[in-house]
Protein backbone atom coordinates (compact mmCIF):
# COMPACT_ATOMS: atom_id res chain seq x y z
CA UNK A 1 18.83 9.23 0.66
CA UNK A 2 17.66 12.17 2.74
CA UNK A 3 14.46 14.22 2.56
CA UNK A 4 14.92 17.98 2.90
CA UNK A 5 12.74 21.10 3.06
CA UNK A 6 14.54 24.40 2.56
CA UNK A 7 12.57 27.64 2.58
CA UNK A 8 11.55 31.06 3.80
CA UNK A 9 8.11 32.27 4.72
CA UNK A 10 6.14 35.14 6.26
CA UNK A 11 7.48 34.22 9.71
CA UNK A 12 11.14 34.42 8.78
CA UNK A 13 11.44 37.02 6.01
CA UNK A 14 9.99 40.39 5.05
CA UNK A 15 8.11 40.91 1.78
CA UNK A 16 11.25 42.57 0.37
CA UNK A 17 13.23 39.35 0.64
CA UNK A 18 10.31 37.08 -0.19
CA UNK A 19 9.75 38.80 -3.51
CA UNK A 20 13.47 38.31 -4.39
CA UNK A 21 13.29 34.61 -3.62
CA UNK A 22 9.92 34.00 -5.30
CA UNK A 23 9.82 32.09 -8.61
CA UNK A 24 7.76 33.30 -11.55
CA UNK A 25 6.08 30.62 -13.69
CA UNK A 26 8.93 30.57 -16.20
CA UNK A 27 11.59 30.70 -13.50
CA UNK A 28 9.94 27.76 -11.77
CA UNK A 29 10.30 25.62 -14.88
CA UNK A 30 13.90 26.76 -15.43
CA UNK A 31 14.69 26.07 -11.78
CA UNK A 32 13.29 22.54 -11.89
CA UNK A 33 15.33 21.87 -15.02
CA UNK A 34 18.50 23.18 -13.34
CA UNK A 35 17.97 21.17 -10.16
CA UNK A 36 17.55 18.04 -12.23
CA UNK A 37 20.28 18.61 -14.83
CA UNK A 38 22.90 19.82 -12.35
CA UNK A 39 22.00 16.90 -10.06
CA UNK A 40 21.63 19.29 -7.12
CA UNK A 41 18.79 17.05 -5.96
CA UNK A 42 17.53 13.59 -6.88
CA UNK A 43 13.89 14.67 -6.87
CA UNK A 44 12.27 18.01 -6.16
CA UNK A 45 9.20 20.26 -5.92
CA UNK A 46 9.25 24.06 -5.55
CA UNK A 47 6.32 25.73 -3.80
CA UNK A 48 6.36 29.49 -4.39
CA UNK A 49 3.52 31.72 -3.13
CA UNK A 50 3.20 35.29 -1.83
CA UNK A 51 3.97 34.05 1.69
CA UNK A 52 6.54 31.29 1.16
CA UNK A 53 9.10 29.80 -1.15
CA UNK A 54 10.07 26.25 -0.27
CA UNK A 55 12.10 23.55 -1.98
CA UNK A 56 11.09 19.95 -1.13
CA UNK A 57 13.73 17.50 -2.30
CA UNK A 58 15.59 14.22 -1.96
CA UNK A 59 19.38 14.37 -1.52
CA UNK A 60 22.17 11.85 -1.56
CA UNK A 61 23.67 13.61 1.46
CA UNK A 62 21.75 15.13 4.40
CA UNK A 63 23.57 18.48 4.14
CA UNK A 64 21.49 21.31 2.58
CA UNK A 65 24.59 23.28 1.48
CA UNK A 66 24.34 22.55 -2.26
CA UNK A 67 20.65 23.53 -2.34
CA UNK A 68 21.31 26.74 -0.40
CA UNK A 69 24.13 27.68 -2.77
CA UNK A 70 21.97 26.91 -5.81
CA UNK A 71 19.07 29.05 -4.50
CA UNK A 72 21.40 31.96 -3.71
CA UNK A 73 23.03 31.80 -7.14
CA UNK A 74 19.74 31.36 -9.06
CA UNK A 75 18.37 34.60 -7.62
CA UNK A 76 21.77 36.36 -7.34
CA UNK A 77 21.21 36.98 -3.66
CA UNK A 78 23.57 38.11 -0.92
CA UNK A 79 24.31 35.33 1.56
CA UNK A 80 24.21 37.67 4.53
CA UNK A 81 20.63 38.66 3.71
CA UNK A 82 19.42 35.20 2.78
CA UNK A 83 20.94 32.74 5.24
CA UNK A 84 19.47 34.15 8.48
CA UNK A 85 15.95 33.86 7.01
CA UNK A 86 16.23 30.25 5.78
CA UNK A 87 14.86 27.23 7.67
CA UNK A 88 15.41 23.52 7.02
CA UNK A 89 13.56 20.35 7.98
CA UNK A 90 14.91 16.84 7.50
CA UNK A 91 13.27 13.44 6.94
CA UNK A 92 10.31 12.94 9.30
CA UNK A 93 10.27 16.61 10.24
CA UNK A 94 10.21 17.48 6.56
CA UNK A 95 7.23 15.23 5.94
CA UNK A 96 5.43 16.70 8.92
CA UNK A 97 6.13 20.22 7.65
CA UNK A 98 4.73 19.48 4.22
CA UNK A 99 1.52 18.13 5.75
CA UNK A 100 1.18 21.13 8.02
CA UNK A 101 1.64 23.46 5.07
CA UNK A 102 -0.87 21.60 2.86
CA UNK A 103 -3.47 21.60 5.68
CA UNK A 104 -3.12 25.35 6.25
CA UNK A 105 -1.57 24.95 9.70
CA UNK A 106 1.55 26.94 8.73
CA UNK A 107 -0.27 29.68 6.80
CA UNK A 108 -0.48 33.38 7.62
CA UNK A 109 -4.19 32.75 8.01
CA UNK A 110 -4.60 29.54 9.95
CA UNK A 111 -6.52 26.95 7.93
CA UNK A 112 -6.72 28.96 4.68
CA UNK A 113 -7.64 26.63 1.80
CA UNK A 114 -5.68 28.13 -1.10
CA UNK A 115 -2.34 26.66 -0.09
CA UNK A 116 -3.47 23.10 -0.78
CA UNK A 117 -4.25 24.07 -4.39
CA UNK A 118 -0.89 25.81 -4.66
CA UNK A 119 0.96 22.73 -3.31
CA UNK A 120 -0.94 20.52 -5.77
CA UNK A 121 0.00 22.87 -8.68
CA UNK A 122 3.66 22.82 -7.61
CA UNK A 123 3.58 19.01 -7.53
CA UNK A 124 1.93 18.91 -11.01
CA UNK A 125 4.71 21.14 -12.40
CA UNK A 126 7.35 18.73 -11.13
CA UNK A 127 5.46 15.72 -12.54
CA UNK A 128 5.18 17.40 -15.93
CA UNK A 129 8.95 18.06 -15.97
CA UNK A 130 9.85 14.59 -14.61
CA UNK A 131 11.49 16.28 -11.62
CA UNK A 132 9.85 14.11 -8.95
CA UNK A 133 9.84 10.38 -8.28
CA UNK A 134 10.22 7.72 -5.57
CA UNK A 135 9.67 8.50 -1.89
CA UNK A 136 9.05 12.23 -2.45
CA UNK A 137 6.26 11.50 -4.91
CA UNK A 138 4.65 9.09 -2.48
CA UNK A 139 4.91 11.65 0.29
CA UNK A 140 2.99 14.23 -1.76
CA UNK A 141 0.27 11.67 -2.55
CA UNK A 142 -0.05 10.86 1.18
CA UNK A 143 -0.10 14.58 2.03
CA UNK A 144 -3.04 15.22 -0.31
CA UNK A 145 -4.95 12.38 1.39
CA UNK A 146 -4.19 13.78 4.84
CA UNK A 147 -5.23 17.30 3.81
CA UNK A 148 -8.52 16.02 2.44
CA UNK A 149 -9.26 14.24 5.75
CA UNK A 150 -8.41 17.35 7.72
CA UNK A 151 -10.81 19.43 5.62
CA UNK A 152 -13.56 16.83 5.90
CA UNK A 153 -13.23 15.80 9.56
CA UNK A 154 -12.36 19.10 11.28
CA UNK A 155 -13.48 22.72 11.34
CA UNK A 156 -10.07 24.10 10.44
CA UNK A 157 -11.61 25.60 7.29
CA UNK A 158 -14.64 27.04 9.08
CA UNK A 159 -15.44 30.76 9.15
CA UNK A 160 -13.54 31.31 5.91
CA UNK A 161 -10.69 33.75 6.30
CA UNK A 162 -7.78 34.44 3.99
CA UNK A 163 -5.51 37.20 2.83
CA UNK A 164 -8.32 38.05 0.42
CA UNK A 165 -10.79 38.21 3.28
CA UNK A 166 -8.38 40.35 5.30
CA UNK A 167 -8.09 42.78 2.41
CA UNK A 168 -11.84 43.13 2.23
CA UNK A 169 -12.04 43.53 6.00
CA UNK A 170 -9.57 46.43 5.77
CA UNK A 171 -11.67 48.07 3.03
CA UNK A 172 -14.79 47.75 5.20
CA UNK A 173 -12.95 49.38 8.12
CA UNK A 174 -11.92 52.38 6.01
CA UNK A 175 -15.10 52.88 4.02
CA UNK A 176 -18.32 52.95 6.00
CA UNK A 177 -20.23 51.31 3.15
CA UNK A 178 -18.87 49.41 0.19
CA UNK A 179 -22.14 49.88 -1.67
CA UNK A 180 -21.07 53.33 -2.88
CA UNK A 181 -17.45 52.36 -3.50
CA UNK A 182 -15.74 51.32 -6.69
CA UNK A 183 -13.13 48.56 -6.54
CA UNK A 184 -10.43 47.99 -9.15
CA UNK A 185 -9.09 44.45 -8.96
CA UNK A 186 -5.86 43.66 -10.83
CA UNK A 187 -5.41 40.02 -11.85
CA UNK A 188 -7.87 37.18 -12.36
CA UNK A 189 -6.43 34.39 -10.27
CA UNK A 190 -7.87 32.56 -7.30
CA UNK A 191 -6.99 35.27 -4.78
CA UNK A 192 -8.64 38.05 -6.82
CA UNK A 193 -11.66 35.79 -7.36
CA UNK A 194 -11.97 35.46 -3.56
CA UNK A 195 -11.58 39.20 -3.13
CA UNK A 196 -14.34 39.83 -5.69
CA UNK A 197 -16.60 37.31 -3.95
CA UNK A 198 -16.08 38.93 -0.52
CA UNK A 199 -16.59 42.48 -1.91
CA UNK A 200 -19.74 41.43 -3.77
CA UNK A 201 -21.17 39.75 -0.67
CA UNK A 202 -20.65 43.06 1.21
CA UNK A 203 -22.69 45.02 -1.34
CA UNK A 204 -19.82 46.35 -3.47
CA UNK A 205 -21.43 46.21 -6.88
CA UNK A 206 -19.04 48.55 -8.78
CA UNK A 207 -16.19 46.22 -9.57
CA UNK A 208 -13.61 46.66 -12.36
CA UNK A 209 -11.28 43.72 -13.15
CA UNK A 210 -8.03 44.39 -15.05
CA UNK A 211 -6.15 41.40 -16.49
CA UNK A 212 -3.52 40.69 -19.11
CA UNK A 213 -6.11 38.74 -21.14
CA UNK A 214 -9.81 39.75 -21.11
CA UNK A 215 -10.92 36.19 -21.70
CA UNK A 216 -9.41 34.99 -18.45
CA UNK A 217 -11.37 37.69 -16.58
CA UNK A 218 -14.64 37.11 -18.44
CA UNK A 219 -16.19 34.97 -15.62
CA UNK A 220 -16.10 38.03 -13.35
CA UNK A 221 -18.68 39.72 -15.60
CA UNK A 222 -21.17 36.93 -15.14
CA UNK A 223 -20.53 36.23 -11.46
CA UNK A 224 -20.20 39.80 -10.13
CA UNK A 225 -21.36 42.10 -12.90
CA UNK A 226 -17.79 43.39 -13.17
CA UNK A 227 -16.40 45.55 -15.99
CA UNK A 228 -13.41 43.82 -17.54
CA UNK A 229 -10.48 45.84 -18.87
CA UNK A 230 -6.89 45.09 -19.99
CA UNK A 231 -3.85 46.02 -17.96
CA UNK A 232 -3.10 48.76 -20.47
CA UNK A 233 -6.42 50.40 -19.69
CA UNK A 234 -5.74 50.75 -15.97
CA UNK A 235 -4.61 54.41 -16.20
CA UNK A 236 -7.94 55.35 -17.83
CA UNK A 237 -9.95 53.83 -15.00
CA UNK A 238 -7.72 54.37 -11.97
CA UNK A 239 -9.40 57.62 -10.94
CA UNK A 240 -12.73 55.83 -10.56
CA UNK A 241 -11.36 53.44 -7.92
CA UNK A 242 -11.83 53.99 -4.21
CA UNK A 243 -10.23 50.58 -3.55
CA UNK A 244 -7.42 48.99 -5.62
CA UNK A 245 -6.46 45.39 -4.82
CA UNK A 246 -3.81 43.71 -6.91
CA UNK A 247 -2.52 40.14 -7.11
CA UNK A 248 -0.72 39.12 -10.31
CA UNK A 249 2.40 37.16 -11.16
CA UNK A 250 3.98 40.08 -12.96
CA UNK A 251 7.78 40.37 -12.42
CA UNK A 252 7.64 44.21 -12.23
CA UNK A 253 5.15 46.68 -10.70
CA UNK A 254 2.04 47.31 -12.77
CA UNK A 255 0.90 50.42 -10.89
CA UNK A 256 3.41 53.24 -10.46
CA UNK A 257 3.54 56.40 -8.38
CA UNK A 258 2.92 58.63 -11.36
CA UNK A 259 -0.24 56.70 -12.36
CA UNK A 260 -1.71 56.98 -8.88
CA UNK A 261 -0.72 60.64 -8.57
CA UNK A 262 -2.65 61.49 -11.76
CA UNK A 263 -5.65 59.48 -10.53
CA UNK A 264 -5.67 61.36 -7.19
CA UNK A 265 -5.67 64.72 -8.98
CA UNK A 266 -8.62 63.61 -11.11
CA UNK A 267 -10.38 62.47 -7.94
CA UNK A 268 -9.72 65.90 -6.37
CA UNK A 269 -7.73 64.05 -3.70
CA UNK A 270 -10.50 61.83 -2.44
CA UNK A 271 -8.66 59.06 -0.54
CA UNK A 272 -7.73 55.84 -2.28
CA UNK A 273 -7.02 52.49 -0.56
CA UNK A 274 -4.42 50.30 -2.35
CA UNK A 275 -3.74 46.76 -1.18
CA UNK A 276 -0.90 44.86 -2.83
CA UNK A 277 -1.21 41.12 -2.23
CA UNK A 278 1.37 40.18 -4.89
CA UNK A 279 4.99 39.04 -4.40
CA UNK A 280 6.87 40.47 -6.26
CA UNK A 281 4.94 43.67 -5.66
CA UNK A 282 2.40 44.95 -8.23
CA UNK A 283 2.32 48.49 -6.75
CA UNK A 284 5.42 50.66 -6.46
CA UNK A 285 6.45 51.17 -2.82
CA UNK A 286 6.65 54.97 -3.49
CA UNK A 287 2.90 55.11 -3.92
CA UNK A 288 2.69 55.05 -0.11
CA UNK A 289 4.41 58.44 -0.02
CA UNK A 290 1.47 60.15 -1.71
CA UNK A 291 -1.08 62.09 0.33
CA UNK A 292 -4.52 60.48 0.16
CA UNK A 293 -3.06 57.15 -1.04
CA UNK A 294 -3.12 54.46 1.63
CA UNK A 295 -0.94 51.54 0.56
CA UNK A 296 -0.88 48.16 2.35
CA UNK A 297 1.16 45.05 1.49
CA UNK A 298 0.62 41.40 2.54
CA UNK A 299 2.76 42.02 5.58
CA UNK A 300 0.49 44.89 6.67
CA UNK A 301 -2.48 42.51 6.66
CA UNK A 302 -0.80 40.47 9.41
CA UNK A 303 -2.53 42.28 12.29
CA UNK A 304 -5.93 41.82 10.67
CA UNK A 305 -5.54 38.09 10.10
CA UNK A 306 -4.16 37.65 13.60
CA UNK A 307 -7.60 38.48 14.99
CA UNK A 308 -9.13 35.70 12.89
CA UNK A 309 -6.56 33.12 13.94
CA UNK A 310 -8.14 32.51 17.33
CA UNK A 311 -11.30 31.10 15.74
CA UNK A 312 -9.36 28.21 14.26
CA UNK A 313 -6.89 27.32 17.00
CA UNK A 314 -9.27 24.86 18.68
CA UNK A 315 -9.81 23.06 15.39
CA UNK A 316 -6.05 23.01 14.72
């Protein structure tokens, strides 16, 4: 029995490829079923975030070939594009990699805390579908214990920084004061909650939150005084937004070039900052072609988060 990690991340692949390899919630369940039923692996967990997609698994043989072929076929990918961006870790190196990931040591933002929750959620999905057992399950339990110790006993999580924080930092660089700015946040997950928190702490009090279900976004009203709308209502409110930050799990873009073009006309071409944290992308790439629309993706935030990395290297 061999332990294997197979994956791509922000260090090895662009956002274009990462969004093609990412698993939606339904795809994740289908993938775990396939891995189990086709006996590609003995036991497995799939971690899929905006910055990484990784398959943690137990194999009868140490070769990763069958898992690579399965991943390529599942997403209908070209081998020439995929293979150079993949990395593998085996046995002890695989265990070490999982622990580094869970502790935030392999994140775009060193020490960011969200990844631990994402790893726990990925593990829970595998447990629910009976896709994990034996040594791999014990490894994940040990990893959660290690990550808790790291958070408790070191300052790796100090001076909170994240992709959400980087997005807000970018907004503060472009707009002199957030107090007079209106922010449209698309999604209601943990990342958008962090974005709203950072914006609110920097005096941005005009916040609109758009989500598929209003109920899920209701807590934003109480916590930040936000106006909650549905995704279908975005076109009616887009022109009010100086800042648009989006992070959903939608398989296709929610905000298109035409929608932004109309909003800019209504704004009399006052500039609009759009930050797309989602993978796959929530905002059409063509939006960046518009005058007065400044579009950034998670990859564009890299230079911002790099400046924050130094603060945590000593703790790491």
